[in-house]
N, C-alpha and C. Protein backbone atom coordinates (compact mmCIF):
# COMPACT_ATOMS: atom_id res chain seq x y z
N UNK A 1 -22.39 -8.21 52.30
CA UNK A 1 -22.42 -7.05 53.16
C UNK A 1 -21.20 -6.16 52.93
N UNK A 2 -20.04 -6.79 52.72
CA UNK A 2 -18.81 -6.05 52.49
C UNK A 2 -18.95 -5.10 51.31
N UNK A 3 -19.55 -5.58 50.22
CA UNK A 3 -19.68 -4.73 49.05
C UNK A 3 -20.64 -3.58 49.33
N UNK A 4 -21.71 -3.83 50.06
CA UNK A 4 -22.65 -2.77 50.39
C UNK A 4 -21.95 -1.65 51.16
N UNK A 5 -21.10 -2.02 52.11
CA UNK A 5 -20.36 -1.01 52.86
C UNK A 5 -19.40 -0.24 51.95
N UNK A 6 -18.79 -0.95 51.02
CA UNK A 6 -17.89 -0.28 50.09
C UNK A 6 -18.66 0.64 49.13
N UNK A 7 -19.85 0.22 48.71
CA UNK A 7 -20.69 1.09 47.86
C UNK A 7 -21.03 2.37 48.62
N UNK A 8 -21.43 2.23 49.86
CA UNK A 8 -21.73 3.41 50.68
C UNK A 8 -20.50 4.30 50.83
N UNK A 9 -19.35 3.68 51.04
CA UNK A 9 -18.10 4.44 51.16
C UNK A 9 -17.84 5.23 49.88
N UNK A 10 -17.95 4.59 48.72
CA UNK A 10 -17.69 5.26 47.45
C UNK A 10 -18.69 6.40 47.24
N UNK A 11 -19.97 6.12 47.53
CA UNK A 11 -21.01 7.12 47.34
C UNK A 11 -20.77 8.34 48.24
N UNK A 12 -20.57 8.11 49.53
CA UNK A 12 -20.38 9.23 50.46
C UNK A 12 -19.07 9.97 50.19
N UNK A 13 -18.00 9.23 49.93
CA UNK A 13 -16.70 9.89 49.71
C UNK A 13 -16.69 10.72 48.43
N UNK A 14 -17.57 10.39 47.48
CA UNK A 14 -17.61 11.17 46.22
C UNK A 14 -17.99 12.63 46.46
N UNK A 15 -18.71 12.91 47.55
CA UNK A 15 -19.09 14.28 47.87
C UNK A 15 -17.89 15.10 48.36
N UNK A 16 -16.86 14.42 48.84
CA UNK A 16 -15.70 15.10 49.40
C UNK A 16 -14.49 15.08 48.48
N UNK A 17 -14.60 14.40 47.36
CA UNK A 17 -13.50 14.33 46.40
C UNK A 17 -13.74 15.36 45.30
N UNK A 18 -12.68 15.78 44.64
CA UNK A 18 -12.87 16.72 43.54
C UNK A 18 -13.67 16.08 42.40
N UNK A 19 -14.48 16.89 41.77
CA UNK A 19 -15.23 16.40 40.60
C UNK A 19 -14.23 16.12 39.48
N UNK A 20 -14.60 15.20 38.60
CA UNK A 20 -13.76 14.90 37.44
C UNK A 20 -14.36 15.67 36.26
N UNK A 21 -13.67 16.72 35.85
CA UNK A 21 -14.18 17.62 34.81
C UNK A 21 -14.02 17.08 33.40
N UNK A 22 -12.98 16.31 33.19
CA UNK A 22 -12.72 15.75 31.87
C UNK A 22 -13.17 14.29 31.86
N UNK A 23 -14.10 13.97 30.99
CA UNK A 23 -14.66 12.62 30.92
C UNK A 23 -13.57 11.56 30.70
N UNK A 24 -12.46 11.95 30.10
CA UNK A 24 -11.38 11.00 29.82
C UNK A 24 -10.35 10.90 30.95
N UNK A 25 -10.52 11.68 32.00
CA UNK A 25 -9.59 11.64 33.13
C UNK A 25 -9.91 10.41 33.99
N UNK A 26 -8.91 9.82 34.61
CA UNK A 26 -9.16 8.63 35.43
C UNK A 26 -9.75 8.94 36.79
N UNK A 27 -10.51 7.99 37.28
CA UNK A 27 -10.97 7.97 38.67
C UNK A 27 -10.00 7.07 39.40
N UNK A 28 -9.59 7.48 40.60
CA UNK A 28 -8.68 6.67 41.41
C UNK A 28 -9.34 6.36 42.74
N UNK A 29 -9.42 5.07 43.06
CA UNK A 29 -9.97 4.62 44.34
C UNK A 29 -8.89 3.87 45.08
N UNK A 30 -8.59 4.30 46.29
CA UNK A 30 -7.61 3.60 47.12
C UNK A 30 -8.36 2.60 47.99
N UNK A 31 -7.97 1.33 47.87
CA UNK A 31 -8.66 0.25 48.57
C UNK A 31 -7.64 -0.68 49.21
N UNK A 32 -8.18 -1.66 49.93
CA UNK A 32 -7.36 -2.64 50.64
C UNK A 32 -8.02 -4.01 50.50
N UNK A 33 -7.21 -5.05 50.35
CA UNK A 33 -7.72 -6.41 50.26
C UNK A 33 -8.21 -6.83 51.65
N UNK A 34 -9.50 -7.11 51.75
CA UNK A 34 -10.09 -7.52 53.03
C UNK A 34 -10.18 -9.05 53.10
N UNK A 35 -10.32 -9.60 54.29
CA UNK A 35 -10.38 -11.07 54.42
C UNK A 35 -11.47 -11.73 53.57
N UNK A 36 -12.62 -11.09 53.41
CA UNK A 36 -13.67 -11.72 52.59
C UNK A 36 -13.45 -11.51 51.09
N UNK A 37 -12.33 -10.91 50.69
CA UNK A 37 -11.95 -10.81 49.28
C UNK A 37 -11.10 -12.02 48.86
N UNK A 38 -10.70 -12.84 49.82
CA UNK A 38 -9.70 -13.87 49.57
C UNK A 38 -10.31 -15.18 49.08
N UNK A 39 -9.50 -15.94 48.34
CA UNK A 39 -9.89 -17.29 47.94
C UNK A 39 -9.04 -18.29 48.74
N UNK A 40 -9.08 -19.55 48.34
CA UNK A 40 -8.35 -20.60 49.08
C UNK A 40 -6.84 -20.44 48.99
N UNK A 41 -6.35 -19.69 48.01
CA UNK A 41 -4.92 -19.44 47.90
C UNK A 41 -4.48 -18.23 48.72
N UNK A 42 -5.42 -17.66 49.46
CA UNK A 42 -5.17 -16.51 50.32
C UNK A 42 -4.65 -15.29 49.56
N UNK A 43 -5.19 -15.08 48.39
CA UNK A 43 -5.02 -13.82 47.69
C UNK A 43 -6.39 -13.42 47.13
N UNK A 44 -6.50 -12.21 46.57
CA UNK A 44 -7.81 -11.74 46.14
C UNK A 44 -8.40 -12.68 45.09
N UNK A 45 -9.64 -13.08 45.33
CA UNK A 45 -10.37 -13.99 44.47
C UNK A 45 -10.55 -13.37 43.08
N UNK A 46 -10.40 -14.20 42.05
CA UNK A 46 -10.50 -13.68 40.69
C UNK A 46 -11.86 -13.03 40.41
N UNK A 47 -12.93 -13.56 40.98
CA UNK A 47 -14.25 -12.96 40.78
C UNK A 47 -14.42 -11.64 41.51
N UNK A 48 -13.68 -11.47 42.59
CA UNK A 48 -13.79 -10.23 43.37
C UNK A 48 -13.29 -9.03 42.57
N UNK A 49 -12.31 -9.25 41.69
CA UNK A 49 -11.80 -8.15 40.87
C UNK A 49 -12.95 -7.51 40.07
N UNK A 50 -13.78 -8.35 39.47
CA UNK A 50 -14.90 -7.83 38.67
C UNK A 50 -15.89 -7.07 39.55
N UNK A 51 -16.11 -7.55 40.76
CA UNK A 51 -17.01 -6.87 41.69
C UNK A 51 -16.44 -5.52 42.10
N UNK A 52 -15.15 -5.49 42.39
CA UNK A 52 -14.49 -4.24 42.78
C UNK A 52 -14.50 -3.25 41.61
N UNK A 53 -14.41 -3.76 40.39
CA UNK A 53 -14.45 -2.87 39.22
C UNK A 53 -15.76 -2.10 39.17
N UNK A 54 -16.86 -2.70 39.66
CA UNK A 54 -18.13 -1.97 39.75
C UNK A 54 -17.97 -0.70 40.57
N UNK A 55 -17.21 -0.78 41.65
CA UNK A 55 -16.99 0.38 42.52
C UNK A 55 -16.25 1.49 41.78
N UNK A 56 -15.27 1.12 40.99
CA UNK A 56 -14.53 2.12 40.21
C UNK A 56 -15.43 2.84 39.22
N UNK A 57 -16.30 2.08 38.57
CA UNK A 57 -17.22 2.71 37.61
C UNK A 57 -18.24 3.59 38.34
N UNK A 58 -18.67 3.16 39.52
CA UNK A 58 -19.59 3.99 40.31
C UNK A 58 -18.91 5.31 40.67
N UNK A 59 -17.67 5.26 41.12
CA UNK A 59 -16.94 6.48 41.46
C UNK A 59 -16.85 7.40 40.25
N UNK A 60 -16.54 6.84 39.09
CA UNK A 60 -16.43 7.63 37.87
C UNK A 60 -17.78 8.26 37.52
N UNK A 61 -18.85 7.50 37.61
CA UNK A 61 -20.19 8.00 37.30
C UNK A 61 -20.58 9.14 38.25
N UNK A 62 -20.29 8.96 39.52
CA UNK A 62 -20.64 9.99 40.51
C UNK A 62 -19.84 11.27 40.32
N UNK A 63 -18.55 11.14 40.07
CA UNK A 63 -17.68 12.32 40.05
C UNK A 63 -17.62 13.04 38.71
N UNK A 64 -18.13 12.43 37.64
CA UNK A 64 -18.17 13.12 36.34
C UNK A 64 -19.51 13.78 36.08
N UNK A 65 -20.49 13.55 36.94
CA UNK A 65 -21.82 14.11 36.71
C UNK A 65 -22.74 13.18 35.95
N UNK A 66 -22.26 11.99 35.60
CA UNK A 66 -23.10 11.04 34.86
C UNK A 66 -24.26 10.53 35.71
N UNK A 67 -24.08 10.49 37.03
CA UNK A 67 -25.15 10.00 37.90
C UNK A 67 -26.39 10.90 37.79
N UNK A 68 -26.16 12.19 37.78
CA UNK A 68 -27.26 13.16 37.66
C UNK A 68 -28.02 12.93 36.35
N UNK A 69 -27.28 12.66 35.29
CA UNK A 69 -27.89 12.39 33.98
C UNK A 69 -28.70 11.10 34.03
N UNK A 70 -28.15 10.09 34.69
CA UNK A 70 -28.87 8.81 34.82
C UNK A 70 -30.22 9.02 35.50
N UNK A 71 -30.22 9.80 36.55
CA UNK A 71 -31.48 10.06 37.27
C UNK A 71 -32.46 10.80 36.36
N UNK A 72 -31.96 11.83 35.66
CA UNK A 72 -32.83 12.60 34.77
C UNK A 72 -33.39 11.74 33.64
N UNK A 73 -32.56 10.87 33.09
CA UNK A 73 -32.98 10.03 31.96
C UNK A 73 -33.63 8.73 32.41
N UNK A 74 -33.74 8.54 33.72
CA UNK A 74 -34.28 7.29 34.28
C UNK A 74 -33.56 6.08 33.69
N UNK A 75 -32.23 6.16 33.74
CA UNK A 75 -31.43 5.10 33.16
C UNK A 75 -30.50 4.48 34.19
N UNK A 76 -29.98 3.31 33.85
CA UNK A 76 -29.02 2.60 34.69
C UNK A 76 -27.85 2.15 33.82
N UNK A 77 -26.67 2.05 34.42
CA UNK A 77 -25.52 1.55 33.65
C UNK A 77 -25.59 0.03 33.55
N UNK A 78 -25.30 -0.48 32.38
CA UNK A 78 -25.23 -1.93 32.18
C UNK A 78 -23.97 -2.27 31.40
N UNK A 79 -23.50 -3.49 31.57
CA UNK A 79 -22.34 -3.98 30.83
C UNK A 79 -22.76 -5.04 29.84
N UNK A 80 -22.07 -5.06 28.72
CA UNK A 80 -22.29 -6.11 27.73
C UNK A 80 -21.12 -7.07 27.69
N UNK A 81 -19.97 -6.61 28.17
CA UNK A 81 -18.79 -7.46 28.07
C UNK A 81 -17.73 -6.99 29.06
N UNK A 82 -16.94 -7.95 29.51
CA UNK A 82 -15.81 -7.65 30.38
C UNK A 82 -14.68 -8.62 30.07
N UNK A 83 -13.47 -8.12 30.11
CA UNK A 83 -12.27 -8.92 29.89
C UNK A 83 -11.28 -8.52 30.97
N UNK A 84 -10.67 -9.50 31.60
CA UNK A 84 -9.70 -9.18 32.65
C UNK A 84 -8.46 -10.06 32.48
N UNK A 85 -7.31 -9.49 32.80
CA UNK A 85 -6.05 -10.23 32.80
C UNK A 85 -5.38 -10.01 34.15
N UNK A 86 -5.05 -11.11 34.80
CA UNK A 86 -4.41 -11.06 36.11
C UNK A 86 -2.90 -11.15 35.91
N UNK A 87 -2.15 -10.35 36.66
CA UNK A 87 -0.70 -10.33 36.49
C UNK A 87 0.04 -10.59 37.79
N UNK A 88 -0.34 -9.87 38.84
CA UNK A 88 0.31 -10.01 40.14
C UNK A 88 -0.74 -10.27 41.21
N UNK A 89 -0.37 -10.99 42.23
CA UNK A 89 -1.28 -11.33 43.31
C UNK A 89 -1.48 -10.13 44.25
N UNK A 90 -2.74 -9.93 44.66
CA UNK A 90 -3.05 -8.97 45.72
C UNK A 90 -3.31 -9.78 46.99
N UNK A 91 -2.50 -9.56 47.99
CA UNK A 91 -2.50 -10.38 49.20
C UNK A 91 -3.31 -9.73 50.33
N UNK A 92 -3.59 -10.49 51.40
CA UNK A 92 -4.41 -9.96 52.49
C UNK A 92 -3.89 -8.62 53.03
N UNK A 93 -4.81 -7.68 53.16
CA UNK A 93 -4.58 -6.34 53.71
C UNK A 93 -3.64 -5.49 52.85
N UNK A 94 -3.32 -5.96 51.66
CA UNK A 94 -2.49 -5.16 50.77
C UNK A 94 -3.29 -4.00 50.22
N UNK A 95 -2.66 -2.85 50.18
CA UNK A 95 -3.31 -1.66 49.62
C UNK A 95 -3.09 -1.66 48.11
N UNK A 96 -4.10 -1.14 47.42
CA UNK A 96 -4.01 -1.01 45.97
C UNK A 96 -4.89 0.16 45.53
N UNK A 97 -4.64 0.62 44.32
CA UNK A 97 -5.44 1.69 43.73
C UNK A 97 -6.14 1.14 42.51
N UNK A 98 -7.43 1.38 42.42
CA UNK A 98 -8.20 1.02 41.22
C UNK A 98 -8.33 2.27 40.37
N UNK A 99 -7.75 2.21 39.18
CA UNK A 99 -7.81 3.32 38.23
C UNK A 99 -8.83 2.98 37.16
N UNK A 100 -9.84 3.81 37.02
CA UNK A 100 -10.92 3.59 36.06
C UNK A 100 -10.93 4.74 35.07
N UNK A 101 -10.91 4.42 33.78
CA UNK A 101 -10.81 5.47 32.77
C UNK A 101 -11.58 5.10 31.51
N UNK A 102 -12.40 6.03 31.04
CA UNK A 102 -13.07 5.86 29.75
C UNK A 102 -12.03 6.11 28.67
N UNK A 103 -11.89 5.15 27.75
CA UNK A 103 -10.90 5.29 26.67
C UNK A 103 -11.54 5.76 25.37
N UNK A 104 -12.86 5.61 25.26
CA UNK A 104 -13.54 6.03 24.04
C UNK A 104 -14.96 5.51 24.01
N UNK A 105 -15.64 5.79 22.91
CA UNK A 105 -17.03 5.38 22.77
C UNK A 105 -17.41 5.34 21.30
N UNK A 106 -18.51 4.68 21.03
CA UNK A 106 -19.13 4.71 19.71
C UNK A 106 -20.57 5.19 19.92
N UNK A 107 -21.46 4.93 18.98
CA UNK A 107 -22.83 5.45 19.10
C UNK A 107 -23.62 4.82 20.25
N UNK A 108 -23.20 3.64 20.72
CA UNK A 108 -23.94 2.94 21.76
C UNK A 108 -23.14 2.68 23.03
N UNK A 109 -21.85 2.39 22.90
CA UNK A 109 -21.05 1.86 24.01
C UNK A 109 -19.95 2.81 24.46
N UNK A 110 -19.68 2.77 25.76
CA UNK A 110 -18.49 3.38 26.33
C UNK A 110 -17.50 2.24 26.59
N UNK A 111 -16.23 2.48 26.31
CA UNK A 111 -15.18 1.48 26.50
C UNK A 111 -14.27 1.97 27.62
N UNK A 112 -14.19 1.16 28.67
CA UNK A 112 -13.53 1.58 29.90
C UNK A 112 -12.42 0.60 30.26
N UNK A 113 -11.29 1.17 30.67
CA UNK A 113 -10.17 0.37 31.15
C UNK A 113 -10.06 0.56 32.65
N UNK A 114 -9.83 -0.53 33.36
CA UNK A 114 -9.67 -0.48 34.81
C UNK A 114 -8.41 -1.22 35.20
N UNK A 115 -7.55 -0.54 35.92
CA UNK A 115 -6.27 -1.11 36.35
C UNK A 115 -6.20 -1.19 37.87
N UNK A 116 -5.75 -2.34 38.35
CA UNK A 116 -5.47 -2.54 39.76
C UNK A 116 -3.97 -2.30 39.94
N UNK A 117 -3.61 -1.22 40.62
CA UNK A 117 -2.22 -0.84 40.79
C UNK A 117 -1.76 -1.17 42.21
N UNK A 118 -0.64 -1.85 42.31
CA UNK A 118 -0.09 -2.21 43.61
C UNK A 118 0.14 -0.94 44.42
N UNK A 119 -0.33 -0.94 45.67
CA UNK A 119 -0.24 0.26 46.49
C UNK A 119 0.89 0.25 47.49
N UNK A 120 1.53 -0.88 47.63
CA UNK A 120 2.62 -0.96 48.61
C UNK A 120 3.56 -2.09 48.23
N UNK A 121 4.69 -2.12 48.89
CA UNK A 121 5.65 -3.18 48.65
C UNK A 121 6.64 -2.86 47.53
N UNK A 122 7.44 -3.85 47.19
CA UNK A 122 8.49 -3.68 46.19
C UNK A 122 7.92 -3.38 44.80
N UNK A 123 6.69 -3.80 44.55
CA UNK A 123 6.09 -3.61 43.22
C UNK A 123 5.06 -2.47 43.21
N UNK A 124 5.18 -1.55 44.13
CA UNK A 124 4.25 -0.43 44.22
C UNK A 124 4.14 0.28 42.88
N UNK A 125 2.90 0.53 42.45
CA UNK A 125 2.64 1.22 41.19
C UNK A 125 2.50 0.30 39.99
N UNK A 126 2.94 -0.95 40.13
CA UNK A 126 2.83 -1.89 39.01
C UNK A 126 1.38 -2.38 38.86
N UNK A 127 1.04 -2.81 37.66
CA UNK A 127 -0.31 -3.30 37.38
C UNK A 127 -0.46 -4.73 37.87
N UNK A 128 -1.38 -4.94 38.81
CA UNK A 128 -1.67 -6.29 39.30
C UNK A 128 -2.66 -6.99 38.39
N UNK A 129 -3.61 -6.23 37.84
CA UNK A 129 -4.60 -6.77 36.91
C UNK A 129 -5.13 -5.62 36.07
N UNK A 130 -5.61 -5.96 34.89
CA UNK A 130 -6.21 -4.96 34.01
C UNK A 130 -7.51 -5.53 33.47
N UNK A 131 -8.53 -4.71 33.48
CA UNK A 131 -9.83 -5.13 32.98
C UNK A 131 -10.36 -4.14 31.95
N UNK A 132 -11.07 -4.66 30.98
CA UNK A 132 -11.73 -3.84 29.97
C UNK A 132 -13.22 -4.14 30.03
N UNK A 133 -14.04 -3.11 29.98
CA UNK A 133 -15.48 -3.31 29.97
C UNK A 133 -16.12 -2.45 28.89
N UNK A 134 -17.23 -2.97 28.39
CA UNK A 134 -18.03 -2.29 27.38
C UNK A 134 -19.40 -2.09 28.00
N UNK A 135 -19.79 -0.82 28.18
CA UNK A 135 -21.05 -0.56 28.86
C UNK A 135 -21.81 0.59 28.24
N UNK A 136 -23.08 0.66 28.61
CA UNK A 136 -23.94 1.74 28.14
C UNK A 136 -24.94 2.07 29.23
N UNK A 137 -25.85 2.96 28.91
CA UNK A 137 -26.93 3.31 29.83
C UNK A 137 -28.23 2.82 29.23
N UNK A 138 -29.03 2.16 30.05
CA UNK A 138 -30.32 1.63 29.62
C UNK A 138 -31.42 2.47 30.23
N UNK A 139 -32.30 3.00 29.39
CA UNK A 139 -33.45 3.78 29.86
C UNK A 139 -34.47 2.80 30.41
N UNK A 140 -34.77 2.93 31.69
CA UNK A 140 -35.71 2.00 32.34
C UNK A 140 -37.13 2.15 31.83
N UNK A 141 -37.50 3.32 31.36
CA UNK A 141 -38.86 3.56 30.88
C UNK A 141 -39.09 2.90 29.53
N UNK A 142 -38.16 3.13 28.60
CA UNK A 142 -38.32 2.61 27.24
C UNK A 142 -37.64 1.27 27.02
N UNK A 143 -36.83 0.84 28.00
CA UNK A 143 -36.04 -0.39 27.87
C UNK A 143 -35.16 -0.37 26.62
N UNK A 144 -34.61 0.81 26.33
CA UNK A 144 -33.70 0.95 25.19
C UNK A 144 -32.43 1.65 25.67
N UNK A 145 -31.38 1.45 24.93
CA UNK A 145 -30.12 2.08 25.31
C UNK A 145 -30.16 3.57 24.97
N UNK A 146 -29.51 4.34 25.82
CA UNK A 146 -29.40 5.77 25.60
C UNK A 146 -28.18 5.99 24.72
N UNK A 147 -28.34 6.62 23.56
CA UNK A 147 -27.17 6.85 22.69
C UNK A 147 -26.09 7.64 23.43
N UNK A 148 -24.85 7.30 23.17
CA UNK A 148 -23.75 8.00 23.84
C UNK A 148 -23.79 9.49 23.53
N UNK A 149 -24.24 9.85 22.34
CA UNK A 149 -24.33 11.28 21.99
C UNK A 149 -25.28 12.01 22.93
N UNK A 150 -26.38 11.36 23.33
CA UNK A 150 -27.33 11.97 24.27
C UNK A 150 -26.68 12.15 25.64
N UNK A 151 -25.92 11.15 26.07
CA UNK A 151 -25.25 11.22 27.37
C UNK A 151 -24.22 12.34 27.35
N UNK A 152 -23.42 12.40 26.30
CA UNK A 152 -22.36 13.40 26.20
C UNK A 152 -22.94 14.81 26.11
N UNK A 153 -24.02 14.99 25.37
CA UNK A 153 -24.68 16.28 25.28
C UNK A 153 -25.21 16.71 26.65
N UNK A 154 -25.79 15.77 27.36
CA UNK A 154 -26.39 16.07 28.67
C UNK A 154 -25.35 16.55 29.68
N UNK A 155 -24.10 16.07 29.59
CA UNK A 155 -23.07 16.53 30.52
C UNK A 155 -22.22 17.65 29.91
N UNK A 156 -22.59 18.08 28.70
CA UNK A 156 -21.87 19.19 28.08
C UNK A 156 -20.50 18.83 27.58
N UNK A 157 -20.33 17.59 27.13
CA UNK A 157 -19.03 17.15 26.61
C UNK A 157 -19.08 17.19 25.08
N UNK A 158 -18.43 18.19 24.45
CA UNK A 158 -18.59 18.41 23.02
C UNK A 158 -17.62 17.65 22.11
N UNK A 159 -16.73 16.85 22.68
CA UNK A 159 -15.65 16.27 21.89
C UNK A 159 -16.01 14.89 21.35
N UNK A 160 -15.38 14.55 20.23
CA UNK A 160 -15.54 13.21 19.66
C UNK A 160 -14.68 12.22 20.45
N UNK A 161 -15.00 10.97 20.28
CA UNK A 161 -14.21 9.93 20.95
C UNK A 161 -12.77 9.95 20.44
N UNK A 162 -11.82 9.78 21.33
CA UNK A 162 -10.44 9.61 20.86
C UNK A 162 -10.33 8.29 20.10
N UNK A 163 -9.27 8.17 19.31
CA UNK A 163 -9.02 6.90 18.64
C UNK A 163 -8.77 5.84 19.69
N UNK A 164 -9.26 4.64 19.42
CA UNK A 164 -9.06 3.55 20.37
C UNK A 164 -7.61 3.11 20.36
N UNK A 165 -7.04 2.84 21.54
CA UNK A 165 -5.71 2.23 21.57
C UNK A 165 -5.78 0.82 20.95
N UNK A 166 -4.65 0.31 20.54
CA UNK A 166 -4.61 -0.98 19.85
C UNK A 166 -5.24 -2.10 20.67
N UNK A 167 -5.01 -2.12 21.98
CA UNK A 167 -5.56 -3.22 22.78
C UNK A 167 -7.09 -3.19 22.81
N UNK A 168 -7.69 -2.03 22.68
CA UNK A 168 -9.16 -1.95 22.62
C UNK A 168 -9.63 -2.43 21.25
N UNK A 169 -8.96 -2.02 20.19
CA UNK A 169 -9.32 -2.47 18.83
C UNK A 169 -9.23 -3.99 18.72
N UNK A 170 -8.16 -4.56 19.25
CA UNK A 170 -8.00 -6.02 19.22
C UNK A 170 -9.10 -6.71 20.02
N UNK A 171 -9.41 -6.16 21.19
CA UNK A 171 -10.46 -6.74 22.03
C UNK A 171 -11.81 -6.67 21.31
N UNK A 172 -12.09 -5.57 20.64
CA UNK A 172 -13.36 -5.43 19.93
C UNK A 172 -13.48 -6.45 18.79
N UNK A 173 -12.37 -6.77 18.14
CA UNK A 173 -12.39 -7.80 17.10
C UNK A 173 -12.72 -9.16 17.71
N UNK A 174 -12.11 -9.46 18.85
CA UNK A 174 -12.42 -10.72 19.54
C UNK A 174 -13.87 -10.73 20.01
N UNK A 175 -14.37 -9.59 20.44
CA UNK A 175 -15.77 -9.47 20.86
C UNK A 175 -16.72 -9.80 19.72
N UNK A 176 -16.40 -9.31 18.54
CA UNK A 176 -17.25 -9.58 17.37
C UNK A 176 -17.27 -11.07 17.06
N UNK A 177 -16.12 -11.71 17.14
CA UNK A 177 -16.05 -13.16 16.93
C UNK A 177 -16.89 -13.89 17.95
N UNK A 178 -16.77 -13.53 19.21
CA UNK A 178 -17.52 -14.20 20.27
C UNK A 178 -19.03 -13.94 20.12
N UNK A 179 -19.39 -12.74 19.68
CA UNK A 179 -20.79 -12.42 19.46
C UNK A 179 -21.37 -13.34 18.39
N UNK A 180 -20.59 -13.60 17.36
CA UNK A 180 -21.05 -14.51 16.29
C UNK A 180 -21.18 -15.94 16.79
N UNK A 181 -20.30 -16.35 17.70
CA UNK A 181 -20.38 -17.70 18.27
C UNK A 181 -21.69 -17.85 19.03
N UNK A 182 -22.06 -16.85 19.81
CA UNK A 182 -23.29 -16.96 20.60
C UNK A 182 -24.53 -16.84 19.73
N UNK A 183 -24.44 -16.16 18.62
CA UNK A 183 -25.56 -16.07 17.69
C UNK A 183 -25.84 -17.43 17.06
N UNK A 184 -24.79 -18.16 16.78
CA UNK A 184 -24.92 -19.43 16.07
C UNK A 184 -25.07 -20.62 17.01
N UNK A 185 -25.12 -20.35 18.30
CA UNK A 185 -25.19 -21.46 19.26
C UNK A 185 -26.60 -22.03 19.34
């Protein structure tokens, strides 16, 4: 139920926030650790980070105009991979900011970085956790992925992908290795 309320919050608040004109600009969501986000150690549960990351991507999709394209193309966002690294604990009722940013794309995938930034205390602004996701849009009618070029054309974004930062390149190499492991399993 908590996530449903947060989804509604993100959806409704997107109408009152400025649109994100540059696809590479970050989305910022200010949130707070709620009691049902906690694990037995009384800090945010490691699985909850991935769930909260969904909210950041939803905010980005809504505020960049990608949602309108999804509806027109009868598509939904899907993920193929996620990687997260935890650094600092997020404690009960602690405020934090989720920063979601597209770092680049290829013909099929968008590569997104999501940072949990401490919102209060002595470590305000520091990265509590960082996540990387690889996602695309799936056309529900054809059950095929929508090429990134089609998505970019639909929102009027004429630029090529920026070069990937080193941490994305390294992650993609590890992804290829893991993909081969699952192929041979």
